[in-house]
Amino acid sequence: MANTESTVGIGGEYTDISTWESDIESSGAGEHTALLISDITDATIFLGWAEETSLVVKSDKPGTKRTITSYDGIFSTILYLNDDDITRVTCEDIILAGDADTPSAGWGMSLNYKQTITCNRVGFKNLAYTGFTLSANTQSGATANFDNCIFDSCGYFAFMNLATTNPNVTTFRNCLFTNLTYSQASISNSSNITINYYNCLSFDNTGEDFTNAALTTTNLSLNSCVSEDDTATDTAHDNWAEPVNCVSEQTDLTTYFKDQPNGNYALAQSDFDSWGIVGSDANTPDTDYNGLGRIENSIGPFEWTLPPFTEIPNVFVSFGGRIPHSATGEGVGQFTAFDDTIQPMSTYDNKFVDDKRY
């Protein structure tokens, strides 16, 4: 198997994903990685790959977002996976977007066969119809996993599942759903389909938050989720398991987020201060949307952190890193008091020198 890794963008080996796809698809089975080194304009159909192909499309710098914008019209898909020989696709630290003023792309990503899709720290934004779609051709066993993803202004839905009979599973962990015309999901059929929401937030949508707009029978489960309407705690939906550790009717958006009216959904305070619950540790990714290591396991794509500086009367203490409010003793960073600096113990080796000044 031949693995490849290529740079895509301004100054890279390829100018866009379409050019890379056309050239690399003949490289044979293996893992083929496109490293985005800049924002690009593109819409790509993946077709003609060898069997057992794995694709990776990600930013060249973890935590730094690269945007793929499509101007191909409202019936275009930015990443359209139309090849049953592709078995796995991973996207990291990218944004799939249409034009902010006039929708110029219909879908962010579409899956047409049996693949495992993993989206880590991915944004779906300014789309005409849907962020992500499982098409009617999706085969049994397809799996889609979304960690720390943001679905913002994705037209009708964040997620659409058109598979009619074949069982498949989609899991959202620490995702945010906002500015949707209808609901997060439209699921055509059936009881074979499972949707899991862990540590997710849903606010400022025209339709209901955690519900299936298609009103078909689907297996849905929620754990540690928050909604602006009453759906995060509503047990009356089709085949829902009873929500666990969820709260609903949380409407004070300007208190929860740093600048929600302008699209800044970084947390302004801790989960408990905002919603009276904390996230599920077992279902929290290791990092947040910006690649920041999680300590508090905050709900949603962004990790809440203490302000960077704290003043104590007569003593100034500076935290060069972050400490958890839960007082677990896992604080990191340097502590400065007067003219002496005490580094974290991890920065020292085991050879201490007796300092005669003290």
Protein backbone atom coordinates (compact mmCIF):
# COMPACT_ATOMS: atom_id res chain seq x y z
CA MET A 1 0.00 0.00 0.00
CA ALA A 2 1.29 3.44 -0.96
CA ASN A 3 0.74 6.30 1.49
CA THR A 4 1.07 9.88 0.27
CA GLU A 5 1.05 13.34 1.88
CA SER A 6 0.72 16.52 -0.16
CA THR A 7 0.39 20.24 0.55
CA VAL A 8 -2.62 22.03 -0.93
CA GLY A 9 -3.14 25.77 -1.20
CA ILE A 10 -1.18 28.88 -2.04
CA GLY A 11 2.46 27.86 -2.47
CA GLY A 12 1.66 24.16 -2.10
CA GLU A 13 2.11 21.18 -4.39
CA TYR A 14 -1.52 21.52 -5.50
CA THR A 15 -3.69 24.62 -5.75
CA ASP A 16 -6.89 22.96 -4.58
CA ILE A 17 -8.43 19.65 -3.45
CA SER A 18 -9.85 18.88 -6.91
CA THR A 19 -6.41 19.01 -8.52
CA TRP A 20 -4.97 16.86 -5.74
CA GLU A 21 -7.80 14.35 -6.01
CA SER A 22 -7.41 14.00 -9.78
CA ASP A 23 -3.68 13.35 -9.51
CA ILE A 24 -3.47 11.19 -6.37
CA GLU A 25 -6.47 8.92 -7.06
CA SER A 26 -4.25 6.70 -9.26
CA SER A 27 -1.68 6.19 -6.48
CA GLY A 28 -3.26 2.96 -5.29
CA ALA A 29 -4.60 1.84 -1.95
CA GLY A 30 -3.29 3.43 1.22
CA GLU A 31 -3.75 6.59 3.25
CA HIS A 32 -3.61 9.77 1.20
CA THR A 33 -3.37 13.08 3.06
CA ALA A 34 -4.05 16.60 1.80
CA LEU A 35 -2.49 19.20 4.10
CA LEU A 36 -4.19 22.57 3.60
CA ILE A 37 -1.65 25.36 3.96
CA SER A 38 -4.07 28.20 3.14
CA ASP A 39 -7.72 28.94 2.53
CA ILE A 40 -8.90 27.77 -0.90
CA THR A 41 -11.92 27.92 -3.21
CA ASP A 42 -13.12 24.52 -4.40
CA ALA A 43 -15.81 21.82 -4.64
CA THR A 44 -14.66 18.22 -5.19
CA ILE A 45 -16.20 14.92 -6.24
CA PHE A 46 -14.17 11.94 -5.03
CA LEU A 47 -14.37 9.12 -7.59
CA GLY A 48 -12.04 6.53 -9.15
CA TRP A 49 -9.93 5.54 -6.15
CA ALA A 50 -8.40 2.14 -5.47
CA GLU A 51 -10.00 -0.30 -3.05
CA GLU A 52 -9.26 0.16 0.65
CA THR A 53 -8.38 3.83 0.26
CA SER A 54 -8.26 6.11 3.31
CA LEU A 55 -8.36 9.90 2.81
CA VAL A 56 -7.34 12.69 5.18
CA VAL A 57 -8.09 16.37 4.55
CA LYS A 58 -6.76 18.60 7.29
CA SER A 59 -5.00 21.81 8.20
CA ASP A 60 -1.23 21.72 8.19
CA LYS A 61 -1.32 23.31 11.66
CA PRO A 62 -3.51 21.59 14.30
CA GLY A 63 -5.90 24.12 15.79
CA THR A 64 -5.49 26.55 12.87
CA LYS A 65 -8.54 26.51 10.61
CA ARG A 66 -8.28 26.38 6.82
CA THR A 67 -11.45 27.25 4.91
CA ILE A 68 -12.69 25.60 1.73
CA THR A 69 -15.27 27.90 0.14
CA SER A 70 -17.44 26.84 -2.79
CA TYR A 71 -18.98 29.24 -5.31
CA ASP A 72 -20.32 26.44 -7.53
CA GLY A 73 -23.96 27.15 -6.72
CA ILE A 74 -26.58 25.99 -4.26
CA PHE A 75 -26.66 22.48 -5.74
CA SER A 76 -22.94 21.89 -5.17
CA THR A 77 -21.28 19.87 -2.42
CA ILE A 78 -17.88 20.99 -1.15
CA LEU A 79 -16.65 17.43 -0.44
CA TYR A 80 -18.72 14.77 -2.21
CA LEU A 81 -17.58 11.20 -1.42
CA ASN A 82 -18.99 9.20 -4.31
CA ASP A 83 -16.67 6.18 -4.38
CA ASP A 84 -17.41 2.88 -2.64
CA ASP A 85 -13.68 2.01 -2.65
CA ILE A 86 -12.98 4.78 -0.14
CA THR A 87 -13.35 3.16 3.27
CA ARG A 88 -12.36 5.96 5.62
CA VAL A 89 -12.32 9.77 5.47
CA THR A 90 -10.93 12.05 8.17
CA CYS A 91 -11.26 15.86 8.22
CA GLU A 92 -9.52 18.00 10.83
CA ASP A 93 -9.30 21.74 11.49
CA ILE A 94 -11.10 22.84 8.34
CA ILE A 95 -14.21 24.91 7.61
CA LEU A 96 -16.55 23.98 4.77
CA ALA A 97 -18.32 27.17 3.76
CA GLY A 98 -20.44 29.01 1.26
CA ASP A 99 -20.51 32.75 0.76
CA ALA A 100 -21.81 34.63 3.79
CA ASP A 101 -24.05 37.01 1.80
CA THR A 102 -25.46 34.79 -0.96
CA PRO A 103 -25.47 31.01 -0.43
CA SER A 104 -22.99 29.66 -2.97
CA ALA A 105 -22.87 26.02 -1.89
CA GLY A 106 -25.65 23.61 -0.97
CA TRP A 107 -23.95 20.97 1.17
CA GLY A 108 -20.72 20.85 3.15
CA MET A 109 -20.08 17.12 2.83
CA SER A 110 -22.00 14.14 1.43
CA LEU A 111 -21.39 10.43 1.90
CA ASN A 112 -22.71 8.11 -0.82
CA TYR A 113 -21.45 4.66 0.21
CA LYS A 114 -20.18 2.68 3.20
CA GLN A 115 -17.43 4.69 4.78
CA THR A 116 -16.32 5.77 8.21
CA ILE A 117 -16.32 9.55 8.41
CA THR A 118 -14.49 11.35 11.23
CA CYS A 119 -14.69 15.13 11.55
CA ASN A 120 -12.52 16.66 14.27
CA ARG A 121 -12.76 20.41 14.89
CA VAL A 122 -14.63 21.07 11.63
CA GLY A 123 -16.91 24.01 10.88
CA PHE A 124 -19.90 23.90 8.52
CA LYS A 125 -21.03 27.41 7.65
CA ASN A 126 -23.20 29.49 5.29
CA LEU A 127 -24.70 26.61 3.33
CA ALA A 128 -28.02 26.55 1.47
CA TYR A 129 -29.31 23.15 2.57
CA THR A 130 -27.34 20.93 4.96
CA GLY A 131 -23.96 20.63 6.65
CA PHE A 132 -23.54 16.85 6.24
CA THR A 133 -25.61 14.29 4.34
CA LEU A 134 -25.76 10.51 4.28
CA SER A 135 -27.28 9.80 0.87
CA ALA A 136 -29.93 7.24 -0.04
CA ASN A 137 -27.14 4.96 -1.35
CA THR A 138 -25.41 4.78 2.03
CA GLN A 139 -24.75 1.13 2.80
CA SER A 140 -25.15 -0.79 6.04
CA GLY A 141 -22.47 -0.10 8.61
CA ALA A 142 -21.66 3.47 7.64
CA THR A 143 -20.42 5.47 10.62
CA ALA A 144 -20.09 9.23 11.03
CA ASN A 145 -18.37 10.79 14.05
CA PHE A 146 -18.26 14.53 14.75
CA ASP A 147 -16.06 15.88 17.57
CA ASN A 148 -15.96 19.60 18.45
CA CYS A 149 -17.81 20.58 15.28
CA ILE A 150 -19.82 23.75 14.67
CA PHE A 151 -22.88 23.77 12.42
CA ASP A 152 -23.68 27.46 11.87
CA SER A 153 -26.11 28.77 9.23
CA CYS A 154 -26.25 25.45 7.36
CA GLY A 155 -29.59 26.13 5.71
CA TYR A 156 -32.30 23.69 6.74
CA PHE A 157 -30.38 21.11 8.81
CA ALA A 158 -27.00 20.36 10.29
CA PHE A 159 -27.38 16.68 9.34
CA MET A 160 -29.56 14.82 6.87
CA ASN A 161 -29.84 11.03 6.68
CA LEU A 162 -31.57 9.79 3.52
CA ALA A 163 -30.69 6.12 3.97
CA THR A 164 -34.00 4.30 3.93
CA THR A 165 -33.31 0.83 5.28
CA ASN A 166 -29.61 0.24 6.00
CA PRO A 167 -28.44 0.56 9.62
CA ASN A 168 -25.90 3.29 10.36
CA VAL A 169 -24.72 5.30 13.36
CA THR A 170 -23.91 8.99 13.71
CA THR A 171 -22.38 10.44 16.88
CA PHE A 172 -21.94 14.10 17.80
CA ARG A 173 -19.61 14.93 20.71
CA ASN A 174 -19.25 18.49 21.96
CA CYS A 175 -20.86 20.03 18.91
CA LEU A 176 -22.74 23.32 18.52
CA PHE A 177 -25.88 23.73 16.38
CA THR A 178 -26.99 27.29 15.67
CA ASN A 179 -28.78 29.48 13.11
CA LEU A 180 -30.53 26.55 11.41
CA THR A 181 -33.81 27.07 9.56
CA TYR A 182 -35.30 23.86 10.93
CA SER A 183 -33.77 21.27 13.27
CA GLN A 184 -30.37 19.67 13.70
CA ALA A 185 -31.42 16.54 11.84
CA SER A 186 -33.77 15.25 9.19
CA ILE A 187 -33.82 11.45 9.20
CA SER A 188 -35.92 9.85 6.47
CA ASN A 189 -36.22 6.43 8.04
CA SER A 190 -35.94 4.20 10.19
CA SER A 191 -35.48 2.36 13.46
CA ASN A 192 -32.15 1.05 12.08
CA ILE A 193 -30.60 4.49 12.35
CA THR A 194 -28.94 5.61 15.60
CA ILE A 195 -28.04 9.20 16.48
CA ASN A 196 -26.04 10.02 19.63
CA TYR A 197 -25.59 13.51 21.07
CA TYR A 198 -22.99 13.92 23.83
CA ASN A 199 -22.13 17.29 25.45
CA CYS A 200 -23.85 19.24 22.67
CA LEU A 201 -25.34 22.75 22.59
CA SER A 202 -28.23 23.97 20.45
CA PHE A 203 -29.30 27.61 20.35
CA ASP A 204 -30.90 30.24 18.14
CA ASN A 205 -32.51 27.89 15.62
CA THR A 206 -35.81 28.62 13.87
CA GLY A 207 -37.07 25.06 14.33
CA GLU A 208 -36.78 22.71 17.26
CA ASP A 209 -33.34 21.89 18.63
CA PHE A 210 -32.92 18.19 19.42
CA THR A 211 -35.55 16.55 17.27
CA ASN A 212 -35.98 14.75 13.96
CA ALA A 213 -37.63 17.09 11.47
CA ALA A 214 -38.76 14.16 9.30
CA LEU A 215 -40.83 12.79 12.21
CA THR A 216 -39.84 9.19 11.49
CA THR A 217 -38.96 6.57 14.06
CA THR A 218 -35.27 6.82 14.94
CA ASN A 219 -33.05 5.78 17.85
CA LEU A 220 -31.85 9.01 19.41
CA SER A 221 -29.99 9.50 22.69
CA LEU A 222 -28.78 12.57 24.57
CA ASN A 223 -26.23 12.87 27.36
CA SER A 224 -25.21 16.17 28.95
CA CYS A 225 -26.81 18.39 26.30
CA VAL A 226 -28.31 21.88 26.51
CA SER A 227 -31.08 23.40 24.38
CA GLU A 228 -32.73 26.79 24.13
CA ASP A 229 -36.14 25.13 23.72
CA ASP A 230 -37.54 22.16 25.65
CA THR A 231 -36.22 19.34 23.43
CA ALA A 232 -33.04 18.44 25.36
CA THR A 233 -35.18 16.99 28.14
CA ASP A 234 -38.22 15.94 26.12
CA THR A 235 -38.81 12.19 26.36
CA ALA A 236 -41.78 12.17 23.97
CA HIS A 237 -39.76 11.77 20.75
CA ASP A 238 -39.96 8.54 18.73
CA ASN A 239 -37.45 5.96 20.10
CA TRP A 240 -35.46 8.29 22.33
CA ALA A 241 -33.78 6.89 25.36
CA GLU A 242 -34.53 9.14 28.29
CA PRO A 243 -32.07 12.08 28.21
CA VAL A 244 -29.28 11.88 30.79
CA ASN A 245 -27.95 14.97 32.61
CA CYS A 246 -29.56 17.39 30.13
CA VAL A 247 -31.19 20.79 30.61
CA SER A 248 -33.57 22.74 28.40
CA GLU A 249 -35.11 26.20 28.05
CA GLN A 250 -31.78 27.94 28.55
CA THR A 251 -32.28 31.32 26.91
CA ASP A 252 -29.74 33.79 28.32
CA LEU A 253 -27.27 33.53 25.43
CA THR A 254 -25.40 36.74 26.21
CA THR A 255 -24.48 35.30 29.61
CA TYR A 256 -23.37 31.89 28.33
CA PHE A 257 -21.13 33.05 25.47
CA LYS A 258 -18.55 35.79 25.08
CA ASP A 259 -20.17 37.44 22.04
CA GLN A 260 -23.01 35.32 20.66
CA PRO A 261 -24.59 38.09 18.52
CA ASN A 262 -21.34 38.31 16.52
CA GLY A 263 -20.76 34.57 16.28
CA ASN A 264 -18.29 34.14 19.16
CA TYR A 265 -19.45 31.05 21.05
CA ALA A 266 -16.48 30.79 23.39
CA LEU A 267 -17.82 30.17 26.90
CA ALA A 268 -18.07 33.18 29.18
CA GLN A 269 -18.32 31.08 32.35
CA SER A 270 -18.28 27.50 33.56
CA ASP A 271 -20.95 24.97 32.62
CA PHE A 272 -22.25 24.82 36.16
CA ASP A 273 -22.55 28.60 36.36
CA SER A 274 -24.45 28.68 33.06
CA TRP A 275 -26.60 25.56 33.14
CA GLY A 276 -26.21 23.88 36.51
CA ILE A 277 -24.67 20.71 35.00
CA VAL A 278 -21.22 19.61 33.88
CA GLY A 279 -20.24 17.59 30.83
CA SER A 280 -19.76 13.86 30.59
CA ASP A 281 -16.04 13.18 31.02
CA ALA A 282 -16.25 9.79 29.33
CA ASN A 283 -17.66 11.32 26.13
CA THR A 284 -15.43 14.40 25.89
CA PRO A 285 -12.66 14.68 23.25
CA ASP A 286 -9.14 15.40 24.51
CA THR A 287 -9.01 18.84 22.86
CA ASP A 288 -11.53 21.54 21.99
CA TYR A 289 -12.36 23.28 18.69
CA ASN A 290 -9.16 25.34 18.85
CA GLY A 291 -6.96 22.37 19.76
CA LEU A 292 -6.76 23.45 23.41
CA GLY A 293 -6.33 20.53 25.81
CA ARG A 294 -9.44 20.00 27.90
CA ILE A 295 -9.30 20.17 31.71
CA GLU A 296 -12.87 21.06 32.66
CA ASN A 297 -14.51 18.88 29.98
CA SER A 298 -16.82 21.76 29.12
CA ILE A 299 -20.02 21.18 27.17
CA GLY A 300 -19.87 22.32 23.55
CA PRO A 301 -16.90 22.80 21.21
CA PHE A 302 -15.01 25.32 23.35
CA GLU A 303 -13.24 24.63 26.63
CA TRP A 304 -13.88 27.17 29.36
CA THR A 305 -10.76 28.50 31.07
CA LEU A 306 -10.11 30.77 34.01
CA PRO A 307 -9.05 34.35 33.21
CA PRO A 308 -5.26 34.45 32.66
CA PHE A 309 -4.45 36.65 35.66
CA THR A 310 -5.58 36.69 39.27
CA GLU A 311 -4.74 39.35 41.82
CA ILE A 312 -4.45 38.69 45.55
CA PRO A 313 -4.04 41.65 47.93
CA ASN A 314 -0.32 42.49 48.36
CA VAL A 315 0.68 39.53 46.16
CA PHE A 316 0.44 39.33 42.40
CA VAL A 317 0.09 35.82 41.05
CA SER A 318 0.41 35.14 37.33
CA PHE A 319 -0.73 31.92 35.72
CA GLY A 320 1.25 31.37 32.56
CA GLY A 321 -0.91 28.38 31.72
CA ARG A 322 -4.35 27.27 32.89
CA ILE A 323 -5.64 25.73 36.10
CA PRO A 324 -8.93 23.93 36.65
CA HIS A 325 -11.51 25.50 38.93
CA SER A 326 -12.16 22.08 40.41
CA ALA A 327 -9.03 22.24 42.54
CA THR A 328 -7.72 18.89 41.42
CA GLY A 329 -4.11 19.93 41.79
CA GLU A 330 -3.54 19.63 38.06
CA GLY A 331 -2.72 23.28 37.50
CA VAL A 332 -0.15 24.08 34.87
CA GLY A 333 1.87 27.21 34.27
CA GLN A 334 4.31 29.27 36.28
CA PHE A 335 3.50 31.03 39.50
CA THR A 336 5.11 34.44 39.96
CA ALA A 337 5.26 36.17 43.33
CA PHE A 338 7.45 39.25 43.89
CA ASP A 339 10.88 38.63 42.28
CA ASP A 340 11.01 34.82 42.50
CA THR A 341 9.53 32.48 39.89
CA ILE A 342 8.47 28.98 40.82
CA GLN A 343 8.09 26.70 37.82
CA PRO A 344 5.82 23.63 37.74
CA MET A 345 7.56 20.61 39.28
CA SER A 346 7.51 18.85 35.91
CA THR A 347 10.11 21.33 34.60
CA TYR A 348 12.73 20.28 37.16
CA ASP A 349 14.88 17.16 37.13
CA ASN A 350 15.63 15.21 40.29
CA LYS A 351 18.97 16.91 41.02
CA PHE A 352 18.19 19.71 43.41
CA VAL A 353 20.92 22.07 44.62
CA ASP A 354 20.88 23.28 48.22
CA ASP A 355 20.29 27.02 47.97
CA LYS A 356 22.10 28.67 50.90
CA ARG A 357 20.05 31.86 50.61
CA TYR A 358 17.21 30.27 52.58
